[in-house]
């Protein structure tokens, strides 16, 4: 990230976030762990801030909710996968075109 960039990773269920240069934390290019609007910790690097953040998430017992999108059934999913496979096939088809050679165009 460039100096001055904003960053925010927030889990609403436990009101915990990592923030950088947002309106809720100082604008000093440090990463802050914020819980319930209060600054808990400060780090110069995102890696160290994520370590503290992940530890706090684990200690809280938070488990993300897995929600199935009810608007798509298996037929729609299969159709989406088919079209995706078709796009990949055509995007990579140039790799498999004929190159000539013995018995081919311009061979022997």
PDB file of N, CA and C in Angstrom:
ATOM      1  N   UNK A   1       0.840  -1.178   0.000  1.00  0.00           N
ATOM      2  CA  UNK A   1       0.000   0.000   0.000  1.00  0.00           C
ATOM      3  C   UNK A   1       0.886   1.243   0.000  1.00  0.00           C
ATOM      4  N   UNK A   2       0.410   2.243  -0.680  1.00  0.00           N
ATOM      5  CA  UNK A   2       1.154   3.495  -0.733  1.00  0.00           C
ATOM      6  C   UNK A   2       0.878   4.312   0.526  1.00  0.00           C
ATOM      7  N   UNK A   3       1.787   5.198   0.817  1.00  0.00           N
ATOM      8  CA  UNK A   3       1.619   6.068   1.980  1.00  0.00           C
ATOM      9  C   UNK A   3       0.365   6.908   1.776  1.00  0.00           C
ATOM     10  N   UNK A   4      -0.436   6.994   2.816  1.00  0.00           N
ATOM     11  CA  UNK A   4      -1.657   7.787   2.757  1.00  0.00           C
ATOM     12  C   UNK A   4      -2.893   7.006   2.361  1.00  0.00           C
ATOM     13  N   UNK A   5      -2.734   5.738   1.939  1.00  0.00           N
ATOM     14  CA  UNK A   5      -3.888   4.929   1.559  1.00  0.00           C
ATOM     15  C   UNK A   5      -4.718   4.573   2.787  1.00  0.00           C
ATOM     16  N   UNK A   6      -6.030   4.548   2.584  1.00  0.00           N
ATOM     17  CA  UNK A   6      -6.943   4.122   3.648  1.00  0.00           C
ATOM     18  C   UNK A   6      -7.055   2.605   3.621  1.00  0.00           C
ATOM     19  N   UNK A   7      -7.338   2.031   4.787  1.00  0.00           N
ATOM     20  CA  UNK A   7      -7.534   0.589   4.887  1.00  0.00           C
ATOM     21  C   UNK A   7      -8.506   0.329   6.022  1.00  0.00           C
ATOM     22  N   UNK A   8      -9.448  -0.595   5.771  1.00  0.00           N
ATOM     23  CA  UNK A   8     -10.351  -0.993   6.851  1.00  0.00           C
ATOM     24  C   UNK A   8     -10.830  -2.411   6.585  1.00  0.00           C
ATOM     25  N   UNK A   9     -10.637  -3.262   7.578  1.00  0.00           N
ATOM     26  CA  UNK A   9     -11.163  -4.627   7.562  1.00  0.00           C
ATOM     27  C   UNK A   9     -11.995  -4.754   8.833  1.00  0.00           C
ATOM     28  N   UNK A  10     -13.309  -4.995   8.670  1.00  0.00           N
ATOM     29  CA  UNK A  10     -14.230  -4.908   9.798  1.00  0.00           C
ATOM     30  C   UNK A  10     -15.115  -6.141   9.872  1.00  0.00           C
ATOM     31  N   UNK A  11     -15.275  -6.669  11.078  1.00  0.00           N
ATOM     32  CA  UNK A  11     -16.214  -7.769  11.332  1.00  0.00           C
ATOM     33  C   UNK A  11     -17.325  -7.208  12.212  1.00  0.00           C
ATOM     34  N   UNK A  12     -18.477  -6.912  11.616  1.00  0.00           N
ATOM     35  CA  UNK A  12     -19.560  -6.271  12.373  1.00  0.00           C
ATOM     36  C   UNK A  12     -20.076  -7.092  13.555  1.00  0.00           C
ATOM     37  N   UNK A  13     -20.097  -8.419  13.419  1.00  0.00           N
ATOM     38  CA  UNK A  13     -20.652  -9.263  14.484  1.00  0.00           C
ATOM     39  C   UNK A  13     -19.912  -9.112  15.808  1.00  0.00           C
ATOM     40  N   UNK A  14     -18.615  -8.863  15.764  1.00  0.00           N
ATOM     41  CA  UNK A  14     -17.847  -8.700  16.999  1.00  0.00           C
ATOM     42  C   UNK A  14     -17.306  -7.270  17.150  1.00  0.00           C
ATOM     43  N   UNK A  15     -17.695  -6.395  16.242  1.00  0.00           N
ATOM     44  CA  UNK A  15     -17.322  -4.969  16.271  1.00  0.00           C
ATOM     45  C   UNK A  15     -15.808  -4.786  16.400  1.00  0.00           C
ATOM     46  N   UNK A  16     -15.072  -5.505  15.548  1.00  0.00           N
ATOM     47  CA  UNK A  16     -13.616  -5.469  15.572  1.00  0.00           C
ATOM     48  C   UNK A  16     -13.106  -5.111  14.183  1.00  0.00           C
ATOM     49  N   UNK A  17     -12.105  -4.239  14.136  1.00  0.00           N
ATOM     50  CA  UNK A  17     -11.573  -3.833  12.839  1.00  0.00           C
ATOM     51  C   UNK A  17     -10.087  -3.542  12.897  1.00  0.00           C
ATOM     52  N   UNK A  18      -9.470  -3.611  11.710  1.00  0.00           N
ATOM     53  CA  UNK A  18      -8.127  -3.086  11.491  1.00  0.00           C
ATOM     54  C   UNK A  18      -8.345  -1.850  10.625  1.00  0.00           C
ATOM     55  N   UNK A  19      -7.778  -0.712  11.036  1.00  0.00           N
ATOM     56  CA  UNK A  19      -7.985   0.518  10.282  1.00  0.00           C
ATOM     57  C   UNK A  19      -6.672   1.273  10.109  1.00  0.00           C
ATOM     58  N   UNK A  20      -6.596   1.968   8.995  1.00  0.00           N
ATOM     59  CA  UNK A  20      -5.444   2.825   8.715  1.00  0.00           C
ATOM     60  C   UNK A  20      -5.941   4.071   7.992  1.00  0.00           C
ATOM     61  N   UNK A  21      -5.604   5.223   8.524  1.00  0.00           N
ATOM     62  CA  UNK A  21      -5.952   6.518   7.924  1.00  0.00           C
ATOM     63  C   UNK A  21      -7.452   6.670   7.662  1.00  0.00           C
ATOM     64  N   UNK A  22      -8.281   6.183   8.593  1.00  0.00           N
ATOM     65  CA  UNK A  22      -9.722   6.405   8.506  1.00  0.00           C
ATOM     66  C   UNK A  22     -10.087   7.545   9.450  1.00  0.00           C
ATOM     67  N   UNK A  23     -11.340   7.924   9.453  1.00  0.00           N
ATOM     68  CA  UNK A  23     -11.752   9.039  10.323  1.00  0.00           C
ATOM     69  C   UNK A  23     -11.743   8.660  11.804  1.00  0.00           C
ATOM     70  N   UNK A  24     -11.683   7.363  12.101  1.00  0.00           N
ATOM     71  CA  UNK A  24     -11.726   6.898  13.491  1.00  0.00           C
ATOM     72  C   UNK A  24     -10.353   6.709  14.122  1.00  0.00           C
ATOM     73  N   UNK A  25      -9.286   6.777  13.307  1.00  0.00           N
ATOM     74  CA  UNK A  25      -7.927   6.585  13.834  1.00  0.00           C
ATOM     75  C   UNK A  25      -7.032   7.716  13.340  1.00  0.00           C
ATOM     76  N   UNK A  26      -5.897   7.942  14.024  1.00  0.00           N
ATOM     77  CA  UNK A  26      -4.972   8.992  13.588  1.00  0.00           C
ATOM     78  C   UNK A  26      -4.458   8.747  12.161  1.00  0.00           C
ATOM     79  N   UNK A  27      -4.155   9.814  11.456  1.00  0.00           N
ATOM     80  CA  UNK A  27      -3.669   9.742  10.084  1.00  0.00           C
ATOM     81  C   UNK A  27      -2.139   9.719  10.088  1.00  0.00           C
ATOM     82  N   UNK A  28      -1.563   8.612  10.606  1.00  0.00           N
ATOM     83  CA  UNK A  28      -0.110   8.512  10.727  1.00  0.00           C
ATOM     84  C   UNK A  28       0.462   7.283  10.027  1.00  0.00           C
ATOM     85  N   UNK A  29      -0.316   6.701   9.113  1.00  0.00           N
ATOM     86  CA  UNK A  29       0.090   5.535   8.325  1.00  0.00           C
ATOM     87  C   UNK A  29       0.376   4.286   9.157  1.00  0.00           C
ATOM     88  N   UNK A  30      -0.157   4.221  10.382  1.00  0.00           N
ATOM     89  CA  UNK A  30      -0.069   3.020  11.211  1.00  0.00           C
ATOM     90  C   UNK A  30      -1.400   2.275  11.129  1.00  0.00           C
ATOM     91  N   UNK A  31      -1.358   1.005  11.448  1.00  0.00           N
ATOM     92  CA  UNK A  31      -2.562   0.169  11.476  1.00  0.00           C
ATOM     93  C   UNK A  31      -3.042   0.059  12.918  1.00  0.00           C
ATOM     94  N   UNK A  32      -4.325   0.269  13.113  1.00  0.00           N
ATOM     95  CA  UNK A  32      -4.910   0.242  14.446  1.00  0.00           C
ATOM     96  C   UNK A  32      -5.947  -0.871  14.540  1.00  0.00           C
ATOM     97  N   UNK A  33      -5.944  -1.574  15.669  1.00  0.00           N
ATOM     98  CA  UNK A  33      -6.990  -2.540  15.992  1.00  0.00           C
ATOM     99  C   UNK A  33      -8.019  -1.756  16.800  1.00  0.00           C
ATOM    100  N   UNK A  34      -9.263  -1.766  16.322  1.00  0.00           N
ATOM    101  CA  UNK A  34     -10.326  -1.002  16.976  1.00  0.00           C
ATOM    102  C   UNK A  34     -11.462  -1.955  17.341  1.00  0.00           C
ATOM    103  N   UNK A  35     -11.903  -1.868  18.604  1.00  0.00           N
ATOM    104  CA  UNK A  35     -13.046  -2.673  19.058  1.00  0.00           C
ATOM    105  C   UNK A  35     -14.033  -1.737  19.730  1.00  0.00           C
ATOM    106  N   UNK A  36     -15.270  -1.796  19.272  1.00  0.00           N
ATOM    107  CA  UNK A  36     -16.347  -0.940  19.810  1.00  0.00           C
ATOM    108  C   UNK A  36     -15.966   0.540  19.773  1.00  0.00           C
ATOM    109  N   UNK A  37     -15.252   0.954  18.734  1.00  0.00           N
ATOM    110  CA  UNK A  37     -14.888   2.357  18.592  1.00  0.00           C
ATOM    111  C   UNK A  37     -13.686   2.794  19.404  1.00  0.00           C
ATOM    112  N   UNK A  38     -13.066   1.868  20.141  1.00  0.00           N
ATOM    113  CA  UNK A  38     -11.901   2.203  20.961  1.00  0.00           C
ATOM    114  C   UNK A  38     -10.647   1.549  20.387  1.00  0.00           C
ATOM    115  N   UNK A  39      -9.557   2.312  20.321  1.00  0.00           N
ATOM    116  CA  UNK A  39      -8.296   1.780  19.814  1.00  0.00           C
ATOM    117  C   UNK A  39      -7.702   0.833  20.855  1.00  0.00           C
ATOM    118  N   UNK A  40      -7.414  -0.392  20.417  1.00  0.00           N
ATOM    119  CA  UNK A  40      -6.878  -1.429  21.303  1.00  0.00           C
ATOM    120  C   UNK A  40      -5.369  -1.577  21.109  1.00  0.00           C
ATOM    121  N   UNK A  41      -4.910  -1.523  19.842  1.00  0.00           N
ATOM    122  CA  UNK A  41      -3.506  -1.778  19.548  1.00  0.00           C
ATOM    123  C   UNK A  41      -3.097  -0.986  18.311  1.00  0.00           C
ATOM    124  N   UNK A  42      -1.781  -0.813  18.149  1.00  0.00           N
ATOM    125  CA  UNK A  42      -1.227  -0.058  17.021  1.00  0.00           C
ATOM    126  C   UNK A  42      -0.045  -0.827  16.469  1.00  0.00           C
ATOM    127  N   UNK A  43       0.081  -0.847  15.129  1.00  0.00           N
ATOM    128  CA  UNK A  43       1.200  -1.537  14.497  1.00  0.00           C
ATOM    129  C   UNK A  43       1.658  -0.768  13.263  1.00  0.00           C
ATOM    130  N   UNK A  44       2.938  -0.837  12.967  1.00  0.00           N
ATOM    131  CA  UNK A  44       3.469  -0.151  11.786  1.00  0.00           C
ATOM    132  C   UNK A  44       3.222  -0.961  10.520  1.00  0.00           C
ATOM    133  N   UNK A  45       3.022  -2.298  10.661  1.00  0.00           N
ATOM    134  CA  UNK A  45       2.824  -3.139   9.478  1.00  0.00           C
ATOM    135  C   UNK A  45       1.473  -3.845   9.535  1.00  0.00           C
ATOM    136  N   UNK A  46       0.936  -4.104   8.362  1.00  0.00           N
ATOM    137  CA  UNK A  46      -0.341  -4.810   8.271  1.00  0.00           C
ATOM    138  C   UNK A  46      -0.189  -6.255   8.747  1.00  0.00           C
ATOM    139  N   UNK A  47       0.963  -6.860   8.483  1.00  0.00           N
ATOM    140  CA  UNK A  47       1.187  -8.245   8.893  1.00  0.00           C
ATOM    141  C   UNK A  47       1.051  -8.400  10.406  1.00  0.00           C
ATOM    142  N   UNK A  48       1.703  -7.519  11.158  1.00  0.00           N
ATOM    143  CA  UNK A  48       1.623  -7.603  12.624  1.00  0.00           C
ATOM    144  C   UNK A  48       0.212  -7.280  13.120  1.00  0.00           C
ATOM    145  N   UNK A  49      -0.432  -6.322  12.476  1.00  0.00           N
ATOM    146  CA  UNK A  49      -1.801  -5.976  12.868  1.00  0.00           C
ATOM    147  C   UNK A  49      -2.744  -7.154  12.626  1.00  0.00           C
ATOM    148  N   UNK A  50      -2.546  -7.865  11.502  1.00  0.00           N
ATOM    149  CA  UNK A  50      -3.391  -9.029  11.204  1.00  0.00           C
ATOM    150  C   UNK A  50      -3.174 -10.146  12.216  1.00  0.00           C
ATOM    151  N   UNK A  51      -1.935 -10.316  12.673  1.00  0.00           N
ATOM    152  CA  UNK A  51      -1.660 -11.348  13.680  1.00  0.00           C
ATOM    153  C   UNK A  51      -2.450 -11.073  14.953  1.00  0.00           C
ATOM    154  N   UNK A  52      -2.425  -9.832  15.429  1.00  0.00           N
ATOM    155  CA  UNK A  52      -3.169  -9.459  16.637  1.00  0.00           C
ATOM    156  C   UNK A  52      -4.668  -9.590  16.386  1.00  0.00           C
ATOM    157  N   UNK A  53      -5.115  -9.115  15.223  1.00  0.00           N
ATOM    158  CA  UNK A  53      -6.532  -9.166  14.852  1.00  0.00           C
ATOM    159  C   UNK A  53      -7.023 -10.617  14.828  1.00  0.00           C
ATOM    160  N   UNK A  54      -6.272 -11.489  14.141  1.00  0.00           N
ATOM    161  CA  UNK A  54      -6.667 -12.901  14.047  1.00  0.00           C
ATOM    162  C   UNK A  54      -6.720 -13.564  15.418  1.00  0.00           C
ATOM    163  N   UNK A  55      -5.774 -13.222  16.285  1.00  0.00           N
ATOM    164  CA  UNK A  55      -5.775 -13.763  17.648  1.00  0.00           C
ATOM    165  C   UNK A  55      -7.038 -13.328  18.396  1.00  0.00           C
ATOM    166  N   UNK A  56      -7.415 -12.053  18.259  1.00  0.00           N
ATOM    167  CA  UNK A  56      -8.609 -11.549  18.938  1.00  0.00           C
ATOM    168  C   UNK A  56      -9.883 -12.189  18.387  1.00  0.00           C
ATOM    169  N   UNK A  57      -9.914 -12.410  17.074  1.00  0.00           N
ATOM    170  CA  UNK A  57     -11.073 -13.068  16.460  1.00  0.00           C
ATOM    171  C   UNK A  57     -11.186 -14.492  16.987  1.00  0.00           C
ATOM    172  N   UNK A  58     -10.068 -15.193  17.066  1.00  0.00           N
ATOM    173  CA  UNK A  58     -10.071 -16.570  17.560  1.00  0.00           C
ATOM    174  C   UNK A  58     -10.527 -16.623  19.016  1.00  0.00           C
ATOM    175  N   UNK A  59     -10.013 -15.700  19.840  1.00  0.00           N
ATOM    176  CA  UNK A  59     -10.389 -15.662  21.250  1.00  0.00           C
ATOM    177  C   UNK A  59     -11.870 -15.345  21.446  1.00  0.00           C
ATOM    178  N   UNK A  60     -12.449 -14.600  20.510  1.00  0.00           N
ATOM    179  CA  UNK A  60     -13.863 -14.234  20.631  1.00  0.00           C
ATOM    180  C   UNK A  60     -14.788 -15.411  20.321  1.00  0.00           C
ATOM    181  N   UNK A  61     -14.246 -16.432  19.627  1.00  0.00           N
ATOM    182  CA  UNK A  61     -15.072 -17.576  19.249  1.00  0.00           C
ATOM    183  C   UNK A  61     -15.920 -17.315  18.026  1.00  0.00           C
ATOM    184  N   UNK A  62     -15.652 -16.247  17.317  1.00  0.00           N
ATOM    185  CA  UNK A  62     -16.435 -15.881  16.130  1.00  0.00           C
ATOM    186  C   UNK A  62     -16.264 -16.915  15.030  1.00  0.00           C
ATOM    187  N   UNK A  63     -17.384 -17.318  14.450  1.00  0.00           N
ATOM    188  CA  UNK A  63     -17.399 -18.209  13.294  1.00  0.00           C
ATOM    189  C   UNK A  63     -18.229 -17.532  12.214  1.00  0.00           C
ATOM    190  N   UNK A  64     -17.671 -17.361  11.004  1.00  0.00           N
ATOM    191  CA  UNK A  64     -18.448 -16.728   9.939  1.00  0.00           C
ATOM    192  C   UNK A  64     -19.666 -17.564   9.580  1.00  0.00           C
ATOM    193  N   UNK A  65     -20.732 -16.870   9.271  1.00  0.00           N
ATOM    194  CA  UNK A  65     -21.959 -17.552   8.871  1.00  0.00           C
ATOM    195  C   UNK A  65     -21.831 -17.985   7.417  1.00  0.00           C
ATOM    196  N   UNK A  66     -22.183 -19.226   7.155  1.00  0.00           N
ATOM    197  CA  UNK A  66     -22.178 -19.733   5.793  1.00  0.00           C
ATOM    198  C   UNK A  66     -23.614 -19.677   5.301  1.00  0.00           C
ATOM    199  N   UNK A  67     -23.817 -18.826   4.323  1.00  0.00           N
ATOM    200  CA  UNK A  67     -25.167 -18.673   3.785  1.00  0.00           C
ATOM    201  C   UNK A  67     -25.194 -19.169   2.354  1.00  0.00           C
ATOM    202  N   UNK A  68     -26.179 -19.966   2.051  1.00  0.00           N
ATOM    203  CA  UNK A  68     -26.358 -20.439   0.683  1.00  0.00           C
ATOM    204  C   UNK A  68     -27.256 -19.458  -0.031  1.00  0.00           C
ATOM    205  N   UNK A  69     -26.818 -19.056  -1.189  1.00  0.00           N
ATOM    206  CA  UNK A  69     -27.613 -18.139  -2.004  1.00  0.00           C
ATOM    207  C   UNK A  69     -28.801 -18.911  -2.565  1.00  0.00           C
ATOM    208  N   UNK A  70     -29.969 -18.653  -2.068  1.00  0.00           N
ATOM    209  CA  UNK A  70     -31.164 -19.379  -2.481  1.00  0.00           C
ATOM    210  C   UNK A  70     -31.627 -19.073  -3.883  1.00  0.00           C
ATOM    211  N   UNK A  71     -31.118 -18.002  -4.488  1.00  0.00           N
ATOM    212  CA  UNK A  71     -31.585 -17.626  -5.814  1.00  0.00           C
ATOM    213  C   UNK A  71     -31.001 -18.518  -6.911  1.00  0.00           C
ATOM    214  N   UNK A  72     -29.919 -19.222  -6.619  1.00  0.00           N
ATOM    215  CA  UNK A  72     -29.302 -20.088  -7.626  1.00  0.00           C
ATOM    216  C   UNK A  72     -29.489 -21.543  -7.228  1.00  0.00           C
ATOM    217  N   UNK A  73     -30.001 -22.312  -8.130  1.00  0.00           N
ATOM    218  CA  UNK A  73     -30.080 -23.736  -7.848  1.00  0.00           C
ATOM    219  C   UNK A  73     -28.932 -24.443  -8.578  1.00  0.00           C
ATOM    220  N   UNK A  74     -28.878 -25.744  -8.472  1.00  0.00           N
ATOM    221  CA  UNK A  74     -27.760 -26.483  -9.045  1.00  0.00           C
ATOM    222  C   UNK A  74     -27.696 -26.387 -10.557  1.00  0.00           C
ATOM    223  N   UNK A  75     -28.848 -26.265 -11.216  1.00  0.00           N
ATOM    224  CA  UNK A  75     -28.838 -26.132 -12.678  1.00  0.00           C
ATOM    225  C   UNK A  75     -28.148 -24.836 -13.086  1.00  0.00           C
ATOM    226  N   UNK A  76     -28.469 -23.754 -12.400  1.00  0.00           N
ATOM    227  CA  UNK A  76     -27.827 -22.472 -12.701  1.00  0.00           C
ATOM    228  C   UNK A  76     -26.330 -22.544 -12.451  1.00  0.00           C
ATOM    229  N   UNK A  77     -25.952 -23.199 -11.369  1.00  0.00           N
ATOM    230  CA  UNK A  77     -24.540 -23.343 -11.037  1.00  0.00           C
ATOM    231  C   UNK A  77     -23.815 -24.130 -12.131  1.00  0.00           C
ATOM    232  N   UNK A  78     -24.413 -25.232 -12.556  1.00  0.00           N
ATOM    233  CA  UNK A  78     -23.812 -26.062 -13.601  1.00  0.00           C
ATOM    234  C   UNK A  78     -23.687 -25.274 -14.904  1.00  0.00           C
ATOM    235  N   UNK A  79     -24.692 -24.486 -15.220  1.00  0.00           N
ATOM    236  CA  UNK A  79     -24.655 -23.672 -16.431  1.00  0.00           C
ATOM    237  C   UNK A  79     -23.545 -22.623 -16.350  1.00  0.00           C
ATOM    238  N   UNK A  80     -23.421 -21.988 -15.191  1.00  0.00           N
ATOM    239  CA  UNK A  80     -22.350 -21.010 -14.999  1.00  0.00           C
ATOM    240  C   UNK A  80     -20.978 -21.665 -15.178  1.00  0.00           C
ATOM    241  N   UNK A  81     -20.807 -22.863 -14.631  1.00  0.00           N
ATOM    242  CA  UNK A  81     -19.540 -23.572 -14.753  1.00  0.00           C
ATOM    243  C   UNK A  81     -19.246 -23.934 -16.206  1.00  0.00           C
ATOM    244  N   UNK A  82     -20.282 -24.312 -16.945  1.00  0.00           N
ATOM    245  CA  UNK A  82     -20.124 -24.646 -18.362  1.00  0.00           C
ATOM    246  C   UNK A  82     -19.633 -23.434 -19.147  1.00  0.00           C
ATOM    247  N   UNK A  83     -20.273 -22.292 -18.944  1.00  0.00           N
ATOM    248  CA  UNK A  83     -19.871 -21.089 -19.664  1.00  0.00           C
ATOM    249  C   UNK A  83     -18.471 -20.640 -19.270  1.00  0.00           C
ATOM    250  N   UNK A  84     -18.129 -20.788 -18.019  1.00  0.00           N
ATOM    251  CA  UNK A  84     -16.782 -20.443 -17.574  1.00  0.00           C
ATOM    252  C   UNK A  84     -15.745 -21.343 -18.245  1.00  0.00           C
ATOM    253  N   UNK A  85     -16.031 -22.645 -18.296  1.00  0.00           N
ATOM    254  CA  UNK A  85     -15.114 -23.582 -18.944  1.00  0.00           C
ATOM    255  C   UNK A  85     -14.966 -23.249 -20.426  1.00  0.00           C
ATOM    256  N   UNK A  86     -16.063 -22.842 -21.049  1.00  0.00           N
ATOM    257  CA  UNK A  86     -16.030 -22.471 -22.461  1.00  0.00           C
ATOM    258  C   UNK A  86     -15.161 -21.229 -22.679  1.00  0.00           C
ATOM    259  N   UNK A  87     -15.273 -20.250 -21.802  1.00  0.00           N
ATOM    260  CA  UNK A  87     -14.448 -19.043 -21.896  1.00  0.00           C
ATOM    261  C   UNK A  87     -12.968 -19.389 -21.768  1.00  0.00           C
ATOM    262  N   UNK A  88     -12.646 -20.249 -20.824  1.00  0.00           N
ATOM    263  CA  UNK A  88     -11.253 -20.649 -20.620  1.00  0.00           C
ATOM    264  C   UNK A  88     -10.741 -21.384 -21.850  1.00  0.00           C
ATOM    265  N   UNK A  89     -11.570 -22.271 -22.403  1.00  0.00           N
ATOM    266  CA  UNK A  89     -11.177 -23.030 -23.593  1.00  0.00           C
ATOM    267  C   UNK A  89     -10.821 -22.094 -24.734  1.00  0.00           C
ATOM    268  N   UNK A  90     -11.692 -21.144 -25.017  1.00  0.00           N
ATOM    269  CA  UNK A  90     -11.444 -20.247 -26.140  1.00  0.00           C
ATOM    270  C   UNK A  90     -10.325 -19.256 -25.846  1.00  0.00           C
ATOM    271  N   UNK A  91     -10.159 -18.884 -24.597  1.00  0.00           N
ATOM    272  CA  UNK A  91      -9.077 -17.966 -24.245  1.00  0.00           C
ATOM    273  C   UNK A  91      -7.713 -18.620 -24.436  1.00  0.00           C
ATOM    274  N   UNK A  92      -7.649 -19.935 -24.284  1.00  0.00           N
ATOM    275  CA  UNK A  92      -6.386 -20.639 -24.409  1.00  0.00           C
ATOM    276  C   UNK A  92      -6.251 -21.416 -25.711  1.00  0.00           C
ATOM    277  N   UNK A  93      -7.196 -21.272 -26.615  1.00  0.00           N
ATOM    278  CA  UNK A  93      -7.181 -22.061 -27.846  1.00  0.00           C
ATOM    279  C   UNK A  93      -5.993 -21.734 -28.740  1.00  0.00           C
ATOM    280  N   UNK A  94      -5.469 -20.515 -28.655  1.00  0.00           N
ATOM    281  CA  UNK A  94      -4.334 -20.147 -29.494  1.00  0.00           C
ATOM    282  C   UNK A  94      -3.113 -21.033 -29.207  1.00  0.00           C
ATOM    283  N   UNK A  95      -3.071 -21.619 -28.020  1.00  0.00           N
ATOM    284  CA  UNK A  95      -1.938 -22.467 -27.660  1.00  0.00           C
ATOM    285  C   UNK A  95      -1.939 -23.793 -28.418  1.00  0.00           C
ATOM    286  N   UNK A  96      -3.091 -24.174 -28.945  1.00  0.00           N
ATOM    287  CA  UNK A  96      -3.232 -25.508 -29.523  1.00  0.00           C
ATOM    288  C   UNK A  96      -3.460 -25.482 -31.027  1.00  0.00           C
ATOM    289  N   UNK A  97      -3.216 -24.380 -31.679  1.00  0.00           N
ATOM    290  CA  UNK A  97      -3.443 -24.326 -33.123  1.00  0.00           C
ATOM    291  C   UNK A  97      -2.344 -25.097 -33.834  1.00  0.00           C
ATOM    292  N   UNK A  98      -2.657 -25.516 -35.064  1.00  0.00           N
ATOM    293  CA  UNK A  98      -1.713 -26.304 -35.847  1.00  0.00           C
ATOM    294  C   UNK A  98      -0.454 -25.520 -36.163  1.00  0.00           C
ATOM    295  N   UNK A  99       0.661 -26.210 -36.141  1.00  0.00           N
ATOM    296  CA  UNK A  99       1.935 -25.545 -36.386  1.00  0.00           C
ATOM    297  C   UNK A  99       2.593 -26.052 -37.677  1.00  0.00           C
ATOM    298  N   UNK A 100       1.909 -26.867 -38.438  1.00  0.00           N
ATOM    299  CA  UNK A 100       2.518 -27.395 -39.660  1.00  0.00           C
ATOM    300  C   UNK A 100       3.474 -28.521 -39.339  1.00  0.00           C
ATOM    301  N   UNK A 101       4.345 -28.813 -40.243  1.00  0.00           N
ATOM    302  CA  UNK A 101       5.318 -29.877 -40.001  1.00  0.00           C
ATOM    303  C   UNK A 101       5.022 -31.079 -40.870  1.00  0.00           C
ATOM    304  N   UNK A 102       5.709 -32.152 -40.628  1.00  0.00           N
ATOM    305  CA  UNK A 102       5.583 -33.364 -41.441  1.00  0.00           C
ATOM    306  C   UNK A 102       4.143 -33.839 -41.497  1.00  0.00           C
ATOM    307  N   UNK A 103       3.608 -33.920 -42.705  1.00  0.00           N
ATOM    308  CA  UNK A 103       2.247 -34.371 -42.909  1.00  0.00           C
ATOM    309  C   UNK A 103       1.224 -33.289 -42.722  1.00  0.00           C
ATOM    310  N   UNK A 104       1.621 -32.136 -42.274  1.00  0.00           N
ATOM    311  CA  UNK A 104       0.685 -31.031 -42.068  1.00  0.00           C
ATOM    312  C   UNK A 104       0.814 -30.017 -43.186  1.00  0.00           C
ATOM    313  N   UNK A 105       0.257 -28.863 -43.010  1.00  0.00           N
ATOM    314  CA  UNK A 105       0.375 -27.819 -44.030  1.00  0.00           C
ATOM    315  C   UNK A 105       1.845 -27.473 -44.261  1.00  0.00           C
ATOM    316  N   UNK A 106       2.264 -27.489 -45.462  1.00  0.00           N
ATOM    317  CA  UNK A 106       3.637 -27.129 -45.802  1.00  0.00           C
ATOM    318  C   UNK A 106       4.650 -28.160 -45.336  1.00  0.00           C
ATOM    319  N   UNK A 107       4.204 -29.388 -45.120  1.00  0.00           N
ATOM    320  CA  UNK A 107       5.084 -30.414 -44.573  1.00  0.00           C
ATOM    321  C   UNK A 107       6.070 -30.952 -45.601  1.00  0.00           C
ATOM    322  N   UNK A 108       6.796 -31.859 -45.206  1.00  0.00           N
ATOM    323  CA  UNK A 108       7.916 -32.526 -45.879  1.00  0.00           C
ATOM    324  C   UNK A 108       8.696 -31.500 -46.604  1.00  0.00           C
TER     325      UNK A 108
END
